[in-house]
Amino acid sequence: MIWGQTVAGVRDTATTVIVYEKAFYDFGTAIQGALVTHSFKFTNTGNVPLVITEAKATCGCTLPTYPKEPIAPGAVGEIAVTFNTADKVGRQLKVITIVANTTPGETFVQISGAVKVPKRRKH
């Protein structure tokens, strides 16, 4: 049976929902070449274990890592995101898509800020 289907008129009430403490992180300003990291804390507010199958970023400069083991109902987990500012300049917005057995099946977290070029030293 698939979660949410009805069988003989009985609705399956097993659900899992991911609720982020904060789904947006503004890192302010970073100097080009720096690594910006942030952990997005979340809670499984559903009544079955939450299983994250994928976390993908919009570009290769952003690396998300996520728990591979199921998160029990009521338990807390973290998705760590590292953004490499090398070769980036100006305002940045990186969106990370989290795919899990949740309702809805995809959720999103975002990391944003400005990247400045380091000042060159005068000789």
PDB file of N, CA and C in Angstrom:
ATOM      1  N   MET A   1       0.845  -1.175   0.000  1.00  0.00           N
ATOM      2  CA  MET A   1       0.000   0.000   0.000  1.00  0.00           C
ATOM      3  C   MET A   1       0.889   1.237   0.000  1.00  0.00           C
ATOM      4  N   ILE A   2       0.486   2.269  -0.696  1.00  0.00           N
ATOM      5  CA  ILE A   2       1.200   3.537  -0.743  1.00  0.00           C
ATOM      6  C   ILE A   2       0.608   4.440   0.328  1.00  0.00           C
ATOM      7  N   TRP A   3       1.481   5.173   1.051  1.00  0.00           N
ATOM      8  CA  TRP A   3       1.001   6.083   2.089  1.00  0.00           C
ATOM      9  C   TRP A   3      -0.053   7.017   1.524  1.00  0.00           C
ATOM     10  N   GLY A   4      -1.151   7.170   2.233  1.00  0.00           N
ATOM     11  CA  GLY A   4      -2.195   8.102   1.833  1.00  0.00           C
ATOM     12  C   GLY A   4      -3.281   7.478   0.981  1.00  0.00           C
ATOM     13  N   GLN A   5      -3.088   6.237   0.511  1.00  0.00           N
ATOM     14  CA  GLN A   5      -4.126   5.584  -0.273  1.00  0.00           C
ATOM     15  C   GLN A   5      -5.226   5.083   0.653  1.00  0.00           C
ATOM     16  N   THR A   6      -6.377   4.881   0.080  1.00  0.00           N
ATOM     17  CA  THR A   6      -7.467   4.296   0.853  1.00  0.00           C
ATOM     18  C   THR A   6      -7.648   2.852   0.436  1.00  0.00           C
ATOM     19  N   VAL A   7      -7.944   2.002   1.398  1.00  0.00           N
ATOM     20  CA  VAL A   7      -8.221   0.600   1.143  1.00  0.00           C
ATOM     21  C   VAL A   7      -9.552   0.293   1.797  1.00  0.00           C
ATOM     22  N   ALA A   8     -10.504  -0.119   1.010  1.00  0.00           N
ATOM     23  CA  ALA A   8     -11.844  -0.440   1.506  1.00  0.00           C
ATOM     24  C   ALA A   8     -12.413   0.712   2.323  1.00  0.00           C
ATOM     25  N   GLY A   9     -12.149   1.943   1.865  1.00  0.00           N
ATOM     26  CA  GLY A   9     -12.724   3.110   2.529  1.00  0.00           C
ATOM     27  C   GLY A   9     -11.987   3.567   3.772  1.00  0.00           C
ATOM     28  N   VAL A  10     -10.887   2.929   4.127  1.00  0.00           N
ATOM     29  CA  VAL A  10     -10.128   3.317   5.321  1.00  0.00           C
ATOM     30  C   VAL A  10      -8.893   4.078   4.870  1.00  0.00           C
ATOM     31  N   ARG A  11      -8.750   5.288   5.328  1.00  0.00           N
ATOM     32  CA  ARG A  11      -7.604   6.119   4.928  1.00  0.00           C
ATOM     33  C   ARG A  11      -6.397   5.791   5.799  1.00  0.00           C
ATOM     34  N   ASP A  12      -5.262   5.617   5.160  1.00  0.00           N
ATOM     35  CA  ASP A  12      -4.001   5.393   5.857  1.00  0.00           C
ATOM     36  C   ASP A  12      -3.561   6.726   6.469  1.00  0.00           C
ATOM     37  N   THR A  13      -3.351   6.774   7.763  1.00  0.00           N
ATOM     38  CA  THR A  13      -3.008   8.031   8.430  1.00  0.00           C
ATOM     39  C   THR A  13      -1.519   8.140   8.748  1.00  0.00           C
ATOM     40  N   ALA A  14      -0.706   7.230   8.226  1.00  0.00           N
ATOM     41  CA  ALA A  14       0.736   7.312   8.450  1.00  0.00           C
ATOM     42  C   ALA A  14       1.297   8.436   7.585  1.00  0.00           C
ATOM     43  N   THR A  15       1.921   9.407   8.245  1.00  0.00           N
ATOM     44  CA  THR A  15       2.504  10.534   7.520  1.00  0.00           C
ATOM     45  C   THR A  15       3.848  10.895   8.122  1.00  0.00           C
ATOM     46  N   THR A  16       4.630  11.586   7.352  1.00  0.00           N
ATOM     47  CA  THR A  16       5.860  12.167   7.859  1.00  0.00           C
ATOM     48  C   THR A  16       5.979  13.569   7.273  1.00  0.00           C
ATOM     49  N   VAL A  17       6.339  14.502   8.127  1.00  0.00           N
ATOM     50  CA  VAL A  17       6.434  15.903   7.730  1.00  0.00           C
ATOM     51  C   VAL A  17       7.753  16.448   8.270  1.00  0.00           C
ATOM     52  N   ILE A  18       8.503  17.129   7.414  1.00  0.00           N
ATOM     53  CA  ILE A  18       9.755  17.753   7.836  1.00  0.00           C
ATOM     54  C   ILE A  18       9.475  19.233   8.107  1.00  0.00           C
ATOM     55  N   VAL A  19       9.809  19.667   9.316  1.00  0.00           N
ATOM     56  CA  VAL A  19       9.609  21.067   9.700  1.00  0.00           C
ATOM     57  C   VAL A  19      10.976  21.638  10.055  1.00  0.00           C
ATOM     58  N   TYR A  20      11.396  22.643   9.290  1.00  0.00           N
ATOM     59  CA  TYR A  20      12.701  23.274   9.517  1.00  0.00           C
ATOM     60  C   TYR A  20      12.595  24.339  10.592  1.00  0.00           C
ATOM     61  N   GLU A  21      13.620  24.398  11.448  1.00  0.00           N
ATOM     62  CA  GLU A  21      13.699  25.474  12.435  1.00  0.00           C
ATOM     63  C   GLU A  21      13.722  26.804  11.683  1.00  0.00           C
ATOM     64  N   LYS A  22      14.575  26.881  10.669  1.00  0.00           N
ATOM     65  CA  LYS A  22      14.641  28.019   9.735  1.00  0.00           C
ATOM     66  C   LYS A  22      15.090  27.447   8.400  1.00  0.00           C
ATOM     67  N   ALA A  23      14.354  27.745   7.339  1.00  0.00           N
ATOM     68  CA  ALA A  23      14.679  27.208   6.023  1.00  0.00           C
ATOM     69  C   ALA A  23      15.493  28.185   5.181  1.00  0.00           C
ATOM     70  N   PHE A  24      15.845  29.340   5.751  1.00  0.00           N
ATOM     71  CA  PHE A  24      16.619  30.344   5.027  1.00  0.00           C
ATOM     72  C   PHE A  24      17.755  30.814   5.919  1.00  0.00           C
ATOM     73  N   TYR A  25      18.945  30.896   5.347  1.00  0.00           N
ATOM     74  CA  TYR A  25      20.110  31.385   6.089  1.00  0.00           C
ATOM     75  C   TYR A  25      20.806  32.461   5.274  1.00  0.00           C
ATOM     76  N   ASP A  26      20.959  33.638   5.864  1.00  0.00           N
ATOM     77  CA  ASP A  26      21.684  34.746   5.239  1.00  0.00           C
ATOM     78  C   ASP A  26      23.055  34.815   5.900  1.00  0.00           C
ATOM     79  N   PHE A  27      24.102  34.527   5.124  1.00  0.00           N
ATOM     80  CA  PHE A  27      25.447  34.536   5.692  1.00  0.00           C
ATOM     81  C   PHE A  27      26.076  35.919   5.697  1.00  0.00           C
ATOM     82  N   GLY A  28      25.352  36.926   5.233  1.00  0.00           N
ATOM     83  CA  GLY A  28      25.886  38.288   5.232  1.00  0.00           C
ATOM     84  C   GLY A  28      26.850  38.480   4.081  1.00  0.00           C
ATOM     85  N   THR A  29      28.102  38.792   4.405  1.00  0.00           N
ATOM     86  CA  THR A  29      29.128  39.014   3.383  1.00  0.00           C
ATOM     87  C   THR A  29      30.301  38.083   3.639  1.00  0.00           C
ATOM     88  N   ALA A  30      30.782  37.461   2.581  1.00  0.00           N
ATOM     89  CA  ALA A  30      31.950  36.582   2.666  1.00  0.00           C
ATOM     90  C   ALA A  30      32.974  37.056   1.642  1.00  0.00           C
ATOM     91  N   ILE A  31      34.230  36.821   1.945  1.00  0.00           N
ATOM     92  CA  ILE A  31      35.306  37.143   1.013  1.00  0.00           C
ATOM     93  C   ILE A  31      35.441  35.985   0.029  1.00  0.00           C
ATOM     94  N   GLN A  32      35.571  36.311  -1.242  1.00  0.00           N
ATOM     95  CA  GLN A  32      35.695  35.307  -2.301  1.00  0.00           C
ATOM     96  C   GLN A  32      36.762  34.280  -1.932  1.00  0.00           C
ATOM     97  N   GLY A  33      36.414  33.015  -2.065  1.00  0.00           N
ATOM     98  CA  GLY A  33      37.326  31.926  -1.730  1.00  0.00           C
ATOM     99  C   GLY A  33      37.010  31.270  -0.393  1.00  0.00           C
ATOM    100  N   ALA A  34      36.186  31.923   0.421  1.00  0.00           N
ATOM    101  CA  ALA A  34      35.826  31.358   1.728  1.00  0.00           C
ATOM    102  C   ALA A  34      34.800  30.237   1.570  1.00  0.00           C
ATOM    103  N   LEU A  35      34.806  29.336   2.541  1.00  0.00           N
ATOM    104  CA  LEU A  35      33.767  28.308   2.619  1.00  0.00           C
ATOM    105  C   LEU A  35      32.751  28.769   3.659  1.00  0.00           C
ATOM    106  N   VAL A  36      31.483  28.832   3.251  1.00  0.00           N
ATOM    107  CA  VAL A  36      30.403  29.222   4.160  1.00  0.00           C
ATOM    108  C   VAL A  36      29.644  27.948   4.501  1.00  0.00           C
ATOM    109  N   THR A  37      29.482  27.677   5.794  1.00  0.00           N
ATOM    110  CA  THR A  37      28.756  26.477   6.207  1.00  0.00           C
ATOM    111  C   THR A  37      27.598  26.845   7.123  1.00  0.00           C
ATOM    112  N   HIS A  38      26.557  26.050   7.026  1.00  0.00           N
ATOM    113  CA  HIS A  38      25.389  26.233   7.891  1.00  0.00           C
ATOM    114  C   HIS A  38      24.660  24.899   8.021  1.00  0.00           C
ATOM    115  N   SER A  39      24.113  24.651   9.204  1.00  0.00           N
ATOM    116  CA  SER A  39      23.315  23.452   9.434  1.00  0.00           C
ATOM    117  C   SER A  39      21.857  23.845   9.605  1.00  0.00           C
ATOM    118  N   PHE A  40      21.010  23.262   8.783  1.00  0.00           N
ATOM    119  CA  PHE A  40      19.571  23.475   8.881  1.00  0.00           C
ATOM    120  C   PHE A  40      18.991  22.382   9.770  1.00  0.00           C
ATOM    121  N   LYS A  41      18.499  22.780  10.936  1.00  0.00           N
ATOM    122  CA  LYS A  41      17.912  21.829  11.864  1.00  0.00           C
ATOM    123  C   LYS A  41      16.447  21.598  11.477  1.00  0.00           C
ATOM    124  N   PHE A  42      16.002  20.354  11.616  1.00  0.00           N
ATOM    125  CA  PHE A  42      14.614  20.030  11.297  1.00  0.00           C
ATOM    126  C   PHE A  42      14.078  19.001  12.277  1.00  0.00           C
ATOM    127  N   THR A  43      12.756  18.902  12.327  1.00  0.00           N
ATOM    128  CA  THR A  43      12.071  17.926  13.171  1.00  0.00           C
ATOM    129  C   THR A  43      11.121  17.116  12.303  1.00  0.00           C
ATOM    130  N   ASN A  44      11.050  15.826  12.560  1.00  0.00           N
ATOM    131  CA  ASN A  44      10.050  14.980  11.915  1.00  0.00           C
ATOM    132  C   ASN A  44       8.783  15.097  12.759  1.00  0.00           C
ATOM    133  N   THR A  45       7.807  15.849  12.287  1.00  0.00           N
ATOM    134  CA  THR A  45       6.563  16.044  13.046  1.00  0.00           C
ATOM    135  C   THR A  45       5.491  15.025  12.648  1.00  0.00           C
ATOM    136  N   GLY A  46       5.858  14.068  11.809  1.00  0.00           N
ATOM    137  CA  GLY A  46       4.916  13.028  11.410  1.00  0.00           C
ATOM    138  C   GLY A  46       4.885  11.889  12.409  1.00  0.00           C
ATOM    139  N   ASN A  47       4.225  10.801  12.008  1.00  0.00           N
ATOM    140  CA  ASN A  47       4.091   9.662  12.917  1.00  0.00           C
ATOM    141  C   ASN A  47       4.755   8.391  12.392  1.00  0.00           C
ATOM    142  N   VAL A  48       5.594   8.520  11.358  1.00  0.00           N
ATOM    143  CA  VAL A  48       6.426   7.420  10.864  1.00  0.00           C
ATOM    144  C   VAL A  48       7.841   7.957  10.640  1.00  0.00           C
ATOM    145  N   PRO A  49       8.840   7.069  10.571  1.00  0.00           N
ATOM    146  CA  PRO A  49      10.213   7.540  10.356  1.00  0.00           C
ATOM    147  C   PRO A  49      10.360   8.318   9.051  1.00  0.00           C
ATOM    148  N   LEU A  50      11.135   9.391   9.115  1.00  0.00           N
ATOM    149  CA  LEU A  50      11.418  10.243   7.964  1.00  0.00           C
ATOM    150  C   LEU A  50      12.692   9.729   7.304  1.00  0.00           C
ATOM    151  N   VAL A  51      12.634   9.504   5.997  1.00  0.00           N
ATOM    152  CA  VAL A  51      13.796   9.012   5.265  1.00  0.00           C
ATOM    153  C   VAL A  51      14.118   9.999   4.147  1.00  0.00           C
ATOM    154  N   ILE A  52      15.285  10.629   4.247  1.00  0.00           N
ATOM    155  CA  ILE A  52      15.751  11.538   3.199  1.00  0.00           C
ATOM    156  C   ILE A  52      16.488  10.692   2.165  1.00  0.00           C
ATOM    157  N   THR A  53      16.067  10.803   0.906  1.00  0.00           N
ATOM    158  CA  THR A  53      16.698  10.017  -0.154  1.00  0.00           C
ATOM    159  C   THR A  53      17.691  10.820  -0.972  1.00  0.00           C
ATOM    160  N   GLU A  54      17.561  12.156  -0.917  1.00  0.00           N
ATOM    161  CA  GLU A  54      18.463  12.985  -1.710  1.00  0.00           C
ATOM    162  C   GLU A  54      18.427  14.425  -1.215  1.00  0.00           C
ATOM    163  N   ALA A  55      19.560  15.089  -1.308  1.00  0.00           N
ATOM    164  CA  ALA A  55      19.661  16.530  -1.082  1.00  0.00           C
ATOM    165  C   ALA A  55      20.519  17.051  -2.212  1.00  0.00           C
ATOM    166  N   LYS A  56      19.954  17.914  -3.043  1.00  0.00           N
ATOM    167  CA  LYS A  56      20.691  18.383  -4.217  1.00  0.00           C
ATOM    168  C   LYS A  56      20.678  19.900  -4.284  1.00  0.00           C
ATOM    169  N   ALA A  57      21.802  20.449  -4.712  1.00  0.00           N
ATOM    170  CA  ALA A  57      21.965  21.897  -4.822  1.00  0.00           C
ATOM    171  C   ALA A  57      21.844  22.316  -6.277  1.00  0.00           C
ATOM    172  N   THR A  58      21.683  23.623  -6.482  1.00  0.00           N
ATOM    173  CA  THR A  58      21.526  24.158  -7.830  1.00  0.00           C
ATOM    174  C   THR A  58      22.844  24.223  -8.590  1.00  0.00           C
ATOM    175  N   CYS A  59      23.976  24.099  -7.885  1.00  0.00           N
ATOM    176  CA  CYS A  59      25.266  24.113  -8.587  1.00  0.00           C
ATOM    177  C   CYS A  59      26.294  23.321  -7.787  1.00  0.00           C
ATOM    178  N   GLY A  60      27.408  23.025  -8.427  1.00  0.00           N
ATOM    179  CA  GLY A  60      28.458  22.244  -7.790  1.00  0.00           C
ATOM    180  C   GLY A  60      29.207  22.973  -6.686  1.00  0.00           C
ATOM    181  N   CYS A  61      28.990  24.276  -6.551  1.00  0.00           N
ATOM    182  CA  CYS A  61      29.674  25.053  -5.519  1.00  0.00           C
ATOM    183  C   CYS A  61      29.029  24.865  -4.141  1.00  0.00           C
ATOM    184  N   THR A  62      27.887  24.204  -4.101  1.00  0.00           N
ATOM    185  CA  THR A  62      27.143  24.024  -2.857  1.00  0.00           C
ATOM    186  C   THR A  62      27.000  22.538  -2.584  1.00  0.00           C
ATOM    187  N   LEU A  63      27.461  22.109  -1.405  1.00  0.00           N
ATOM    188  CA  LEU A  63      27.454  20.690  -1.056  1.00  0.00           C
ATOM    189  C   LEU A  63      26.587  20.452   0.177  1.00  0.00           C
ATOM    190  N   PRO A  64      25.445  19.784   0.002  1.00  0.00           N
ATOM    191  CA  PRO A  64      24.630  19.434   1.168  1.00  0.00           C
ATOM    192  C   PRO A  64      24.958  18.012   1.641  1.00  0.00           C
ATOM    193  N   THR A  65      24.936  17.810   2.946  1.00  0.00           N
ATOM    194  CA  THR A  65      25.043  16.469   3.519  1.00  0.00           C
ATOM    195  C   THR A  65      23.857  16.281   4.447  1.00  0.00           C
ATOM    196  N   TYR A  66      23.347  15.068   4.492  1.00  0.00           N
ATOM    197  CA  TYR A  66      22.115  14.804   5.238  1.00  0.00           C
ATOM    198  C   TYR A  66      22.204  13.449   5.936  1.00  0.00           C
ATOM    199  N   PRO A  67      21.371  13.230   6.950  1.00  0.00           N
ATOM    200  CA  PRO A  67      21.397  11.946   7.653  1.00  0.00           C
ATOM    201  C   PRO A  67      20.948  10.811   6.728  1.00  0.00           C
ATOM    202  N   LYS A  68      21.684   9.731   6.735  1.00  0.00           N
ATOM    203  CA  LYS A  68      21.332   8.577   5.903  1.00  0.00           C
ATOM    204  C   LYS A  68      20.380   7.619   6.629  1.00  0.00           C
ATOM    205  N   GLU A  69      20.339   7.709   7.948  1.00  0.00           N
ATOM    206  CA  GLU A  69      19.466   6.835   8.722  1.00  0.00           C
ATOM    207  C   GLU A  69      18.096   7.507   8.901  1.00  0.00           C
ATOM    208  N   PRO A  70      17.034   6.709   9.084  1.00  0.00           N
ATOM    209  CA  PRO A  70      15.701   7.281   9.299  1.00  0.00           C
ATOM    210  C   PRO A  70      15.659   8.147  10.561  1.00  0.00           C
ATOM    211  N   ILE A  71      14.863   9.205  10.499  1.00  0.00           N
ATOM    212  CA  ILE A  71      14.657  10.096  11.642  1.00  0.00           C
ATOM    213  C   ILE A  71      13.311   9.724  12.260  1.00  0.00           C
ATOM    214  N   ALA A  72      13.329   9.304  13.492  1.00  0.00           N
ATOM    215  CA  ALA A  72      12.111   8.841  14.170  1.00  0.00           C
ATOM    216  C   ALA A  72      11.101   9.983  14.346  1.00  0.00           C
ATOM    217  N   PRO A  73       9.825   9.643  14.467  1.00  0.00           N
ATOM    218  CA  PRO A  73       8.818  10.682  14.739  1.00  0.00           C
ATOM    219  C   PRO A  73       9.198  11.488  15.985  1.00  0.00           C
ATOM    220  N   GLY A  74       9.146  12.807  15.864  1.00  0.00           N
ATOM    221  CA  GLY A  74       9.494  13.686  16.970  1.00  0.00           C
ATOM    222  C   GLY A  74      10.976  13.968  17.110  1.00  0.00           C
ATOM    223  N   ALA A  75      11.809  13.243  16.369  1.00  0.00           N
ATOM    224  CA  ALA A  75      13.262  13.418  16.486  1.00  0.00           C
ATOM    225  C   ALA A  75      13.733  14.587  15.611  1.00  0.00           C
ATOM    226  N   VAL A  76      14.936  15.054  15.944  1.00  0.00           N
ATOM    227  CA  VAL A  76      15.541  16.200  15.263  1.00  0.00           C
ATOM    228  C   VAL A  76      16.727  15.720  14.436  1.00  0.00           C
ATOM    229  N   GLY A  77      16.936  16.344  13.281  1.00  0.00           N
ATOM    230  CA  GLY A  77      18.081  16.051  12.438  1.00  0.00           C
ATOM    231  C   GLY A  77      18.659  17.340  11.879  1.00  0.00           C
ATOM    232  N   GLU A  78      19.733  17.219  11.110  1.00  0.00           N
ATOM    233  CA  GLU A  78      20.380  18.386  10.513  1.00  0.00           C
ATOM    234  C   GLU A  78      20.806  18.092   9.089  1.00  0.00           C
ATOM    235  N   ILE A  79      20.678  19.108   8.257  1.00  0.00           N
ATOM    236  CA  ILE A  79      21.213  19.068   6.900  1.00  0.00           C
ATOM    237  C   ILE A  79      22.294  20.137   6.850  1.00  0.00           C
ATOM    238  N   ALA A  80      23.543  19.707   6.666  1.00  0.00           N
ATOM    239  CA  ALA A  80      24.662  20.643   6.632  1.00  0.00           C
ATOM    240  C   ALA A  80      24.903  21.070   5.190  1.00  0.00           C
ATOM    241  N   VAL A  81      25.128  22.357   4.994  1.00  0.00           N
ATOM    242  CA  VAL A  81      25.368  22.901   3.655  1.00  0.00           C
ATOM    243  C   VAL A  81      26.679  23.680   3.682  1.00  0.00           C
ATOM    244  N   THR A  82      27.542  23.399   2.711  1.00  0.00           N
ATOM    245  CA  THR A  82      28.784  24.142   2.537  1.00  0.00           C
ATOM    246  C   THR A  82      28.757  24.791   1.158  1.00  0.00           C
ATOM    247  N   PHE A  83      28.947  26.106   1.145  1.00  0.00           N
ATOM    248  CA  PHE A  83      28.965  26.888  -0.093  1.00  0.00           C
ATOM    249  C   PHE A  83      30.386  27.388  -0.300  1.00  0.00           C
ATOM    250  N   ASN A  84      30.997  27.029  -1.435  1.00  0.00           N
ATOM    251  CA  ASN A  84      32.339  27.455  -1.781  1.00  0.00           C
ATOM    252  C   ASN A  84      32.232  28.732  -2.609  1.00  0.00           C
ATOM    253  N   THR A  85      32.720  29.839  -2.073  1.00  0.00           N
ATOM    254  CA  THR A  85      32.576  31.142  -2.731  1.00  0.00           C
ATOM    255  C   THR A  85      33.628  31.417  -3.804  1.00  0.00           C
ATOM    256  N   ALA A  86      34.526  30.456  -4.050  1.00  0.00           N
ATOM    257  CA  ALA A  86      35.555  30.651  -5.090  1.00  0.00           C
ATOM    258  C   ALA A  86      34.889  30.986  -6.419  1.00  0.00           C
ATOM    259  N   ASP A  87      35.422  31.957  -7.103  1.00  0.00           N
ATOM    260  CA  ASP A  87      34.939  32.394  -8.425  1.00  0.00           C
ATOM    261  C   ASP A  87      33.539  32.999  -8.389  1.00  0.00           C
ATOM    262  N   LYS A  88      33.039  33.338  -7.224  1.00  0.00           N
ATOM    263  CA  LYS A  88      31.715  33.975  -7.104  1.00  0.00           C
ATOM    264  C   LYS A  88      31.906  35.438  -6.723  1.00  0.00           C
ATOM    265  N   VAL A  89      31.031  36.302  -7.224  1.00  0.00           N
ATOM    266  CA  VAL A  89      31.064  37.726  -6.895  1.00  0.00           C
ATOM    267  C   VAL A  89      29.628  38.221  -6.810  1.00  0.00           C
ATOM    268  N   GLY A  90      29.377  39.081  -5.816  1.00  0.00           N
ATOM    269  CA  GLY A  90      28.055  39.696  -5.693  1.00  0.00           C
ATOM    270  C   GLY A  90      27.064  38.850  -4.926  1.00  0.00           C
ATOM    271  N   ARG A  91      25.809  39.196  -5.079  1.00  0.00           N
ATOM    272  CA  ARG A  91      24.714  38.555  -4.356  1.00  0.00           C
ATOM    273  C   ARG A  91      24.558  37.109  -4.820  1.00  0.00           C
ATOM    274  N   GLN A  92      24.405  36.197  -3.877  1.00  0.00           N
ATOM    275  CA  GLN A  92      24.266  34.768  -4.183  1.00  0.00           C
ATOM    276  C   GLN A  92      23.034  34.210  -3.478  1.00  0.00           C
ATOM    277  N   LEU A  93      22.337  33.313  -4.151  1.00  0.00           N
ATOM    278  CA  LEU A  93      21.215  32.576  -3.557  1.00  0.00           C
ATOM    279  C   LEU A  93      21.328  31.142  -4.036  1.00  0.00           C
ATOM    280  N   LYS A  94      21.510  30.232  -3.089  1.00  0.00           N
ATOM    281  CA  LYS A  94      21.637  28.821  -3.413  1.00  0.00           C
ATOM    282  C   LYS A  94      20.457  28.079  -2.792  1.00  0.00           C
ATOM    283  N   VAL A  95      19.785  27.293  -3.624  1.00  0.00           N
ATOM    284  CA  VAL A  95      18.606  26.540  -3.188  1.00  0.00           C
ATOM    285  C   VAL A  95      18.984  25.066  -3.133  1.00  0.00           C
ATOM    286  N   ILE A  96      18.647  24.431  -2.020  1.00  0.00           N
ATOM    287  CA  ILE A  96      18.915  23.005  -1.846  1.00  0.00           C
ATOM    288  C   ILE A  96      17.566  22.303  -1.767  1.00  0.00           C
ATOM    289  N   THR A  97      17.383  21.306  -2.624  1.00  0.00           N
ATOM    290  CA  THR A  97      16.145  20.539  -2.666  1.00  0.00           C
ATOM    291  C   THR A  97      16.331  19.270  -1.849  1.00  0.00           C
ATOM    292  N   ILE A  98      15.431  19.040  -0.902  1.00  0.00           N
ATOM    293  CA  ILE A  98      15.466  17.855  -0.065  1.00  0.00           C
ATOM    294  C   ILE A  98      14.348  16.927  -0.530  1.00  0.00           C
ATOM    295  N   VAL A  99      14.709  15.709  -0.927  1.00  0.00           N
ATOM    296  CA  VAL A  99      13.736  14.716  -1.375  1.00  0.00           C
ATOM    297  C   VAL A  99      13.612  13.670  -0.269  1.00  0.00           C
ATOM    298  N   ALA A 100      12.382  13.452   0.186  1.00  0.00           N
ATOM    299  CA  ALA A 100      12.163  12.521   1.295  1.00  0.00           C
ATOM    300  C   ALA A 100      10.755  11.936   1.206  1.00  0.00           C
ATOM    301  N   ASN A 101      10.459  11.035   2.107  1.00  0.00           N
ATOM    302  CA  ASN A 101       9.126  10.423   2.171  1.00  0.00           C
ATOM    303  C   ASN A 101       8.168  11.328   2.952  1.00  0.00           C
ATOM    304  N   THR A 102       8.206  12.596   2.643  1.00  0.00           N
ATOM    305  CA  THR A 102       7.419  13.597   3.353  1.00  0.00           C
ATOM    306  C   THR A 102       6.225  14.045   2.521  1.00  0.00           C
ATOM    307  N   THR A 103       5.384  14.820   3.153  1.00  0.00           N
ATOM    308  CA  THR A 103       4.284  15.485   2.455  1.00  0.00           C
ATOM    309  C   THR A 103       4.513  16.969   2.608  1.00  0.00           C
ATOM    310  N   PRO A 104       4.909  17.698   1.545  1.00  0.00           N
ATOM    311  CA  PRO A 104       5.173  17.248   0.178  1.00  0.00           C
ATOM    312  C   PRO A 104       6.486  16.482   0.058  1.00  0.00           C
ATOM    313  N   GLY A 105       6.688  15.835  -1.080  1.00  0.00           N
ATOM    314  CA  GLY A 105       7.863  14.987  -1.303  1.00  0.00           C
ATOM    315  C   GLY A 105       9.170  15.743  -1.454  1.00  0.00           C
ATOM    316  N   GLU A 106       9.088  17.029  -1.824  1.00  0.00           N
ATOM    317  CA  GLU A 106      10.277  17.875  -1.923  1.00  0.00           C
ATOM    318  C   GLU A 106      10.080  19.111  -1.059  1.00  0.00           C
ATOM    319  N   THR A 107      11.118  19.437  -0.300  1.00  0.00           N
ATOM    320  CA  THR A 107      11.141  20.687   0.454  1.00  0.00           C
ATOM    321  C   THR A 107      12.441  21.394   0.106  1.00  0.00           C
ATOM    322  N   PHE A 108      12.554  22.650   0.521  1.00  0.00           N
ATOM    323  CA  PHE A 108      13.695  23.458   0.108  1.00  0.00           C
ATOM    324  C   PHE A 108      14.261  24.244   1.277  1.00  0.00           C
ATOM    325  N   VAL A 109      15.599  24.381   1.275  1.00  0.00           N
ATOM    326  CA  VAL A 109      16.280  25.311   2.163  1.00  0.00           C
ATOM    327  C   VAL A 109      17.133  26.205   1.274  1.00  0.00           C
ATOM    328  N   GLN A 110      17.440  27.400   1.783  1.00  0.00           N
ATOM    329  CA  GLN A 110      18.185  28.369   0.977  1.00  0.00           C
ATOM    330  C   GLN A 110      19.288  29.009   1.800  1.00  0.00           C
ATOM    331  N   ILE A 111      20.399  29.275   1.122  1.00  0.00           N
ATOM    332  CA  ILE A 111      21.515  29.994   1.731  1.00  0.00           C
ATOM    333  C   ILE A 111      21.814  31.183   0.811  1.00  0.00           C
ATOM    334  N   SER A 112      21.993  32.354   1.411  1.00  0.00           N
ATOM    335  CA  SER A 112      22.148  33.567   0.615  1.00  0.00           C
ATOM    336  C   SER A 112      23.120  34.519   1.279  1.00  0.00           C
ATOM    337  N   GLY A 113      23.680  35.394   0.467  1.00  0.00           N
ATOM    338  CA  GLY A 113      24.576  36.422   0.976  1.00  0.00           C
ATOM    339  C   GLY A 113      25.340  37.052  -0.168  1.00  0.00           C
ATOM    340  N   ALA A 114      26.286  37.893   0.180  1.00  0.00           N
ATOM    341  CA  ALA A 114      27.096  38.592  -0.817  1.00  0.00           C
ATOM    342  C   ALA A 114      28.539  38.100  -0.733  1.00  0.00           C
ATOM    343  N   VAL A 115      29.165  38.021  -1.888  1.00  0.00           N
ATOM    344  CA  VAL A 115      30.572  37.626  -1.969  1.00  0.00           C
ATOM    345  C   VAL A 115      31.354  38.804  -2.522  1.00  0.00           C
ATOM    346  N   LYS A 116      32.390  39.187  -1.782  1.00  0.00           N
ATOM    347  CA  LYS A 116      33.239  40.309  -2.198  1.00  0.00           C
ATOM    348  C   LYS A 116      34.613  39.792  -2.582  1.00  0.00           C
ATOM    349  N   VAL A 117      35.195  40.450  -3.568  1.00  0.00           N
ATOM    350  CA  VAL A 117      36.557  40.135  -3.999  1.00  0.00           C
ATOM    351  C   VAL A 117      37.510  40.706  -2.957  1.00  0.00           C
ATOM    352  N   PRO A 118      38.519  39.932  -2.542  1.00  0.00           N
ATOM    353  CA  PRO A 118      39.468  40.461  -1.560  1.00  0.00           C
ATOM    354  C   PRO A 118      40.242  41.653  -2.109  1.00  0.00           C
ATOM    355  N   LYS A 119      40.561  42.589  -1.234  1.00  0.00           N
ATOM    356  CA  LYS A 119      41.351  43.746  -1.659  1.00  0.00           C
ATOM    357  C   LYS A 119      42.772  43.299  -1.934  1.00  0.00           C
ATOM    358  N   ARG A 120      43.317  43.807  -3.007  1.00  0.00           N
ATOM    359  CA  ARG A 120      44.697  43.482  -3.351  1.00  0.00           C
ATOM    360  C   ARG A 120      45.637  44.361  -2.523  1.00  0.00           C
ATOM    361  N   ARG A 121      46.739  43.754  -2.110  1.00  0.00           N
ATOM    362  CA  ARG A 121      47.734  44.507  -1.357  1.00  0.00           C
ATOM    363  C   ARG A 121      48.574  45.343  -2.313  1.00  0.00           C
ATOM    364  N   LYS A 122      48.891  46.534  -1.884  1.00  0.00           N
ATOM    365  CA  LYS A 122      49.764  47.395  -2.681  1.00  0.00           C
ATOM    366  C   LYS A 122      51.202  47.051  -2.341  1.00  0.00           C
ATOM    367  N   HIS A 123      52.029  47.002  -3.379  1.00  0.00           N
ATOM    368  CA  HIS A 123      53.446  46.677  -3.154  1.00  0.00           C
ATOM    369  C   HIS A 123      54.274  47.911  -3.042  1.00  0.00           C
TER     370      HIS A 123
END
